[in-house]
Amino acid sequence: MSSHHIVREKQEPALLVLSMDTFDEEMLGQLLEWSPTVICTTNTAEKLDASGIKVDWIIGDGEAGDLQSDVKHMPLGEDNAAGAALKYLVTHNYPAVNVITDVLELKDFLFYADKINLVIFREQQKIYAVNPGFSKWKPACEFIELLSHSPGLQLSGLEAMGNNRYKTTHDGFFTLQFEQPFLFIAEDIE
């Protein structure tokens, strides 16, 4: 017996590829599994095309070229590539986006962190914004990095390792309490 799944537009997170020189191709395949809307820069468009990946939007003020048919062009306007893409996704009611980048500039994502579910992949890290009272189950000895700071930060289930890195103390939940609306954390991925 076979099963068929119908994926509706915007049901899966969009995929924004800002740069991907250090990104694992197997992980890219997982992010593309359910055919998300793919948005990329002109620099990454050729790499995606060479890998046989269909691109929906190319961001940039220059010509996008004729890599694929039916590719739409997204002008930068006053934004950088991340800002232009995130503005488009938020205004078109996308609930979530996975972002691939080699260089993390958190300031590019701060304005959108409470408007869309953002997951940023950089090298071997998965980065996302969490709300006060965030709690997650992890095995012992897993690493978490706090990428932004908040007054009144209280941690449980984590041991400080230095340089804003923490290790889970046991199998179970760790919790973050803080005063800001959100902060960014990074988890190591394999």
C-alpha atoms as a PDB file:
ATOM      1  CA  MET A   1       0.000   0.000   0.000  1.00  0.00           C
ATOM      2  CA  SER A   2       1.408   3.409  -0.828  1.00  0.00           C
ATOM      3  CA  SER A   3       0.744   6.686   0.839  1.00  0.00           C
ATOM      4  CA  HIS A   4       0.518  10.001  -0.890  1.00  0.00           C
ATOM      5  CA  HIS A   5       1.185  13.313   0.767  1.00  0.00           C
ATOM      6  CA  ILE A   6      -0.052  16.562  -0.659  1.00  0.00           C
ATOM      7  CA  VAL A   7       2.161  19.492   0.259  1.00  0.00           C
ATOM      8  CA  ARG A   8       0.373  22.797   0.085  1.00  0.00           C
ATOM      9  CA  GLU A   9       2.205  25.997  -0.776  1.00  0.00           C
ATOM     10  CA  LYS A  10       3.783  27.604   2.301  1.00  0.00           C
ATOM     11  CA  GLN A  11       3.163  24.449   4.384  1.00  0.00           C
ATOM     12  CA  GLU A  12       6.903  23.730   4.515  1.00  0.00           C
ATOM     13  CA  PRO A  13       9.504  26.353   5.452  1.00  0.00           C
ATOM     14  CA  ALA A  14      10.857  28.368   2.539  1.00  0.00           C
ATOM     15  CA  LEU A  15      14.583  27.938   1.855  1.00  0.00           C
ATOM     16  CA  LEU A  16      16.785  31.026   1.627  1.00  0.00           C
ATOM     17  CA  VAL A  17      20.308  30.285   0.361  1.00  0.00           C
ATOM     18  CA  LEU A  18      22.583  33.268   0.985  1.00  0.00           C
ATOM     19  CA  SER A  19      25.837  31.296   0.618  1.00  0.00           C
ATOM     20  CA  MET A  20      26.665  27.619   0.845  1.00  0.00           C
ATOM     21  CA  ASP A  21      30.391  27.004   0.494  1.00  0.00           C
ATOM     22  CA  THR A  22      30.594  25.234   3.875  1.00  0.00           C
ATOM     23  CA  PHE A  23      27.176  23.570   3.868  1.00  0.00           C
ATOM     24  CA  ASP A  24      26.690  19.797   3.814  1.00  0.00           C
ATOM     25  CA  GLU A  25      24.948  18.553   0.648  1.00  0.00           C
ATOM     26  CA  GLU A  26      23.109  15.790   2.519  1.00  0.00           C
ATOM     27  CA  MET A  27      21.580  18.379   4.853  1.00  0.00           C
ATOM     28  CA  LEU A  28      20.649  20.486   1.814  1.00  0.00           C
ATOM     29  CA  GLY A  29      18.804  17.466   0.417  1.00  0.00           C
ATOM     30  CA  GLN A  30      16.862  17.140   3.671  1.00  0.00           C
ATOM     31  CA  LEU A  31      15.834  20.808   3.567  1.00  0.00           C
ATOM     32  CA  LEU A  32      14.659  20.379  -0.032  1.00  0.00           C
ATOM     33  CA  GLU A  33      12.737  17.151   0.651  1.00  0.00           C
ATOM     34  CA  TRP A  34       9.244  18.671   0.514  1.00  0.00           C
ATOM     35  CA  SER A  35       9.883  21.130  -2.350  1.00  0.00           C
ATOM     36  CA  PRO A  36       9.986  24.457  -0.493  1.00  0.00           C
ATOM     37  CA  THR A  37      10.008  27.857  -2.144  1.00  0.00           C
ATOM     38  CA  VAL A  38      13.729  28.372  -2.905  1.00  0.00           C
ATOM     39  CA  ILE A  39      15.152  31.886  -2.802  1.00  0.00           C
ATOM     40  CA  CYS A  40      18.851  32.509  -3.443  1.00  0.00           C
ATOM     41  CA  THR A  41      21.394  35.165  -4.294  1.00  0.00           C
ATOM     42  CA  THR A  42      22.819  35.535  -7.790  1.00  0.00           C
ATOM     43  CA  ASN A  43      26.072  34.035  -6.457  1.00  0.00           C
ATOM     44  CA  THR A  44      24.407  30.841  -5.224  1.00  0.00           C
ATOM     45  CA  ALA A  45      22.009  30.456  -8.161  1.00  0.00           C
ATOM     46  CA  GLU A  46      24.662  28.851 -10.389  1.00  0.00           C
ATOM     47  CA  LYS A  47      25.692  26.376  -7.658  1.00  0.00           C
ATOM     48  CA  LEU A  48      22.089  25.349  -7.063  1.00  0.00           C
ATOM     49  CA  ASP A  49      21.456  25.050 -10.805  1.00  0.00           C
ATOM     50  CA  ALA A  50      24.588  22.890 -11.240  1.00  0.00           C
ATOM     51  CA  SER A  51      23.186  20.572  -8.541  1.00  0.00           C
ATOM     52  CA  GLY A  52      19.849  20.330 -10.383  1.00  0.00           C
ATOM     53  CA  ILE A  53      17.950  22.330  -7.743  1.00  0.00           C
ATOM     54  CA  LYS A  54      14.959  24.362  -8.962  1.00  0.00           C
ATOM     55  CA  VAL A  55      15.138  28.005  -7.874  1.00  0.00           C
ATOM     56  CA  ASP A  56      11.974  30.089  -7.495  1.00  0.00           C
ATOM     57  CA  TRP A  57      13.481  33.517  -6.766  1.00  0.00           C
ATOM     58  CA  ILE A  58      16.880  35.133  -7.321  1.00  0.00           C
ATOM     59  CA  ILE A  59      17.673  38.195  -5.185  1.00  0.00           C
ATOM     60  CA  GLY A  60      19.786  40.981  -6.590  1.00  0.00           C
ATOM     61  CA  ASP A  61      19.832  44.193  -8.542  1.00  0.00           C
ATOM     62  CA  GLY A  62      21.742  42.639 -11.466  1.00  0.00           C
ATOM     63  CA  GLU A  63      20.443  40.315 -14.122  1.00  0.00           C
ATOM     64  CA  ALA A  64      19.635  36.836 -12.867  1.00  0.00           C
ATOM     65  CA  GLY A  65      20.640  35.212 -16.132  1.00  0.00           C
ATOM     66  CA  ASP A  66      18.828  32.408 -17.871  1.00  0.00           C
ATOM     67  CA  LEU A  67      19.796  29.519 -15.606  1.00  0.00           C
ATOM     68  CA  GLN A  68      16.295  28.095 -15.347  1.00  0.00           C
ATOM     69  CA  SER A  69      12.875  28.884 -16.737  1.00  0.00           C
ATOM     70  CA  ASP A  70      10.205  30.477 -14.560  1.00  0.00           C
ATOM     71  CA  VAL A  71      12.682  32.052 -12.115  1.00  0.00           C
ATOM     72  CA  LYS A  72      11.429  35.313 -10.629  1.00  0.00           C
ATOM     73  CA  HIS A  73      13.709  38.250  -9.885  1.00  0.00           C
ATOM     74  CA  MET A  74      13.589  39.923  -6.449  1.00  0.00           C
ATOM     75  CA  PRO A  75      15.203  43.399  -6.349  1.00  0.00           C
ATOM     76  CA  LEU A  76      17.219  44.402  -3.292  1.00  0.00           C
ATOM     77  CA  GLY A  77      15.783  47.899  -2.965  1.00  0.00           C
ATOM     78  CA  GLU A  78      17.241  49.401   0.211  1.00  0.00           C
ATOM     79  CA  ASP A  79      17.805  45.976   1.809  1.00  0.00           C
ATOM     80  CA  ASN A  80      20.574  43.415   1.700  1.00  0.00           C
ATOM     81  CA  ALA A  81      19.758  39.943   0.331  1.00  0.00           C
ATOM     82  CA  ALA A  82      18.572  38.585   3.698  1.00  0.00           C
ATOM     83  CA  GLY A  83      16.386  41.620   4.363  1.00  0.00           C
ATOM     84  CA  ALA A  84      14.803  41.596   0.886  1.00  0.00           C
ATOM     85  CA  ALA A  85      13.959  37.895   1.102  1.00  0.00           C
ATOM     86  CA  LEU A  86      12.653  38.022   4.681  1.00  0.00           C
ATOM     87  CA  LYS A  87      10.497  41.072   3.893  1.00  0.00           C
ATOM     88  CA  TYR A  88       8.995  39.187   0.948  1.00  0.00           C
ATOM     89  CA  LEU A  89       8.345  36.029   3.007  1.00  0.00           C
ATOM     90  CA  VAL A  90       6.743  37.934   5.899  1.00  0.00           C
ATOM     91  CA  THR A  91       4.527  40.074   3.653  1.00  0.00           C
ATOM     92  CA  HIS A  92       3.412  36.927   1.774  1.00  0.00           C
ATOM     93  CA  ASN A  93       2.530  35.126   5.026  1.00  0.00           C
ATOM     94  CA  TYR A  94       5.151  32.396   4.989  1.00  0.00           C
ATOM     95  CA  PRO A  95       5.198  30.966   8.522  1.00  0.00           C
ATOM     96  CA  ALA A  96       8.801  29.708   8.445  1.00  0.00           C
ATOM     97  CA  VAL A  97      12.119  29.861   6.608  1.00  0.00           C
ATOM     98  CA  ASN A  98      15.341  27.857   6.714  1.00  0.00           C
ATOM     99  CA  VAL A  99      18.376  30.010   5.906  1.00  0.00           C
ATOM    100  CA  ILE A 100      21.730  28.703   4.709  1.00  0.00           C
ATOM    101  CA  THR A 101      24.705  31.038   5.097  1.00  0.00           C
ATOM    102  CA  ASP A 102      28.463  30.868   5.560  1.00  0.00           C
ATOM    103  CA  VAL A 103      28.676  34.203   7.385  1.00  0.00           C
ATOM    104  CA  LEU A 104      26.264  34.946  10.211  1.00  0.00           C
ATOM    105  CA  GLU A 105      25.216  38.562  10.671  1.00  0.00           C
ATOM    106  CA  LEU A 106      22.553  38.342  13.403  1.00  0.00           C
ATOM    107  CA  LYS A 107      21.620  42.000  12.860  1.00  0.00           C
ATOM    108  CA  ASP A 108      20.197  40.962   9.466  1.00  0.00           C
ATOM    109  CA  PHE A 109      17.675  38.707  11.242  1.00  0.00           C
ATOM    110  CA  LEU A 110      16.779  40.620  14.435  1.00  0.00           C
ATOM    111  CA  PHE A 111      13.845  42.551  12.952  1.00  0.00           C
ATOM    112  CA  TYR A 112      12.261  39.345  11.606  1.00  0.00           C
ATOM    113  CA  ALA A 113      12.874  36.993  14.556  1.00  0.00           C
ATOM    114  CA  ASP A 114       9.398  37.569  16.010  1.00  0.00           C
ATOM    115  CA  LYS A 115       7.638  37.744  12.598  1.00  0.00           C
ATOM    116  CA  ILE A 116       8.627  34.406  11.028  1.00  0.00           C
ATOM    117  CA  ASN A 117       9.983  31.130  12.367  1.00  0.00           C
ATOM    118  CA  LEU A 118      13.676  31.441  11.418  1.00  0.00           C
ATOM    119  CA  VAL A 119      16.181  28.589  11.453  1.00  0.00           C
ATOM    120  CA  ILE A 120      19.662  29.539  10.259  1.00  0.00           C
ATOM    121  CA  PHE A 121      22.186  26.907   9.228  1.00  0.00           C
ATOM    122  CA  ARG A 122      25.850  27.913   9.300  1.00  0.00           C
ATOM    123  CA  GLU A 123      28.655  25.370   9.010  1.00  0.00           C
ATOM    124  CA  GLN A 124      27.805  22.734  11.642  1.00  0.00           C
ATOM    125  CA  GLN A 125      25.344  24.894  13.611  1.00  0.00           C
ATOM    126  CA  LYS A 126      21.572  25.288  13.688  1.00  0.00           C
ATOM    127  CA  ILE A 127      20.659  28.780  14.953  1.00  0.00           C
ATOM    128  CA  TYR A 128      17.230  30.008  16.002  1.00  0.00           C
ATOM    129  CA  ALA A 129      15.458  32.538  18.206  1.00  0.00           C
ATOM    130  CA  VAL A 130      13.870  31.386  21.463  1.00  0.00           C
ATOM    131  CA  ASN A 131      11.368  33.062  23.779  1.00  0.00           C
ATOM    132  CA  PRO A 132      11.711  33.521  27.563  1.00  0.00           C
ATOM    133  CA  GLY A 133      11.071  30.258  29.388  1.00  0.00           C
ATOM    134  CA  PHE A 134      12.396  28.204  26.465  1.00  0.00           C
ATOM    135  CA  SER A 135      12.873  24.551  27.384  1.00  0.00           C
ATOM    136  CA  LYS A 136      14.174  21.653  25.288  1.00  0.00           C
ATOM    137  CA  TRP A 137      15.079  18.030  25.930  1.00  0.00           C
ATOM    138  CA  LYS A 138      18.636  17.049  24.968  1.00  0.00           C
ATOM    139  CA  PRO A 139      20.983  14.204  25.849  1.00  0.00           C
ATOM    140  CA  ALA A 140      23.843  14.838  28.300  1.00  0.00           C
ATOM    141  CA  CYS A 141      27.002  16.543  27.005  1.00  0.00           C
ATOM    142  CA  GLU A 142      25.340  18.320  24.049  1.00  0.00           C
ATOM    143  CA  PHE A 143      26.522  21.878  23.342  1.00  0.00           C
ATOM    144  CA  ILE A 144      24.443  25.056  23.177  1.00  0.00           C
ATOM    145  CA  GLU A 145      25.814  28.505  22.356  1.00  0.00           C
ATOM    146  CA  LEU A 146      24.076  31.759  23.300  1.00  0.00           C
ATOM    147  CA  LEU A 147      24.523  34.208  20.420  1.00  0.00           C
ATOM    148  CA  SER A 148      22.768  37.148  22.031  1.00  0.00           C
ATOM    149  CA  HIS A 149      22.653  38.323  25.613  1.00  0.00           C
ATOM    150  CA  SER A 150      19.872  39.286  27.964  1.00  0.00           C
ATOM    151  CA  PRO A 151      19.830  40.837  31.416  1.00  0.00           C
ATOM    152  CA  GLY A 152      18.552  38.500  34.095  1.00  0.00           C
ATOM    153  CA  LEU A 153      19.526  35.359  32.191  1.00  0.00           C
ATOM    154  CA  GLN A 154      18.900  32.216  34.247  1.00  0.00           C
ATOM    155  CA  LEU A 155      19.898  28.769  33.030  1.00  0.00           C
ATOM    156  CA  SER A 156      19.049  25.316  34.286  1.00  0.00           C
ATOM    157  CA  GLY A 157      20.386  22.009  33.023  1.00  0.00           C
ATOM    158  CA  LEU A 158      23.437  23.690  31.463  1.00  0.00           C
ATOM    159  CA  GLU A 159      27.073  24.026  32.557  1.00  0.00           C
ATOM    160  CA  ALA A 160      29.157  26.998  31.357  1.00  0.00           C
ATOM    161  CA  MET A 161      32.094  26.025  29.120  1.00  0.00           C
ATOM    162  CA  GLY A 162      33.319  29.559  28.275  1.00  0.00           C
ATOM    163  CA  ASN A 163      32.787  31.844  25.253  1.00  0.00           C
ATOM    164  CA  ASN A 164      28.982  31.705  25.672  1.00  0.00           C
ATOM    165  CA  ARG A 165      29.024  27.916  25.136  1.00  0.00           C
ATOM    166  CA  TYR A 166      27.198  25.577  27.503  1.00  0.00           C
ATOM    167  CA  LYS A 167      26.991  21.819  27.861  1.00  0.00           C
ATOM    168  CA  THR A 168      23.889  19.941  28.981  1.00  0.00           C
ATOM    169  CA  THR A 169      24.496  18.440  32.412  1.00  0.00           C
ATOM    170  CA  HIS A 170      22.244  15.382  32.034  1.00  0.00           C
ATOM    171  CA  ASP A 171      19.709  13.696  29.768  1.00  0.00           C
ATOM    172  CA  GLY A 172      16.642  15.883  30.109  1.00  0.00           C
ATOM    173  CA  PHE A 173      15.380  19.395  29.702  1.00  0.00           C
ATOM    174  CA  PHE A 174      17.440  22.562  29.820  1.00  0.00           C
ATOM    175  CA  THR A 175      15.669  25.885  30.364  1.00  0.00           C
ATOM    176  CA  LEU A 176      16.481  29.523  29.546  1.00  0.00           C
ATOM    177  CA  GLN A 177      14.768  32.373  31.409  1.00  0.00           C
ATOM    178  CA  PHE A 178      15.525  35.956  30.353  1.00  0.00           C
ATOM    179  CA  GLU A 179      13.978  39.415  30.087  1.00  0.00           C
ATOM    180  CA  GLN A 180      14.244  40.227  26.353  1.00  0.00           C
ATOM    181  CA  PRO A 181      11.487  39.169  23.912  1.00  0.00           C
ATOM    182  CA  PHE A 182      13.856  36.568  22.362  1.00  0.00           C
ATOM    183  CA  LEU A 183      17.481  35.556  22.061  1.00  0.00           C
ATOM    184  CA  PHE A 184      19.374  33.512  19.516  1.00  0.00           C
ATOM    185  CA  ILE A 185      20.919  30.157  20.393  1.00  0.00           C
ATOM    186  CA  ALA A 186      23.007  27.752  18.335  1.00  0.00           C
ATOM    187  CA  GLU A 187      23.086  23.966  18.517  1.00  0.00           C
ATOM    188  CA  ASP A 188      25.812  21.839  17.003  1.00  0.00           C
ATOM    189  CA  ILE A 189      24.534  19.531  14.269  1.00  0.00           C
ATOM    190  CA  GLU A 190      26.242  16.454  12.934  1.00  0.00           C
END
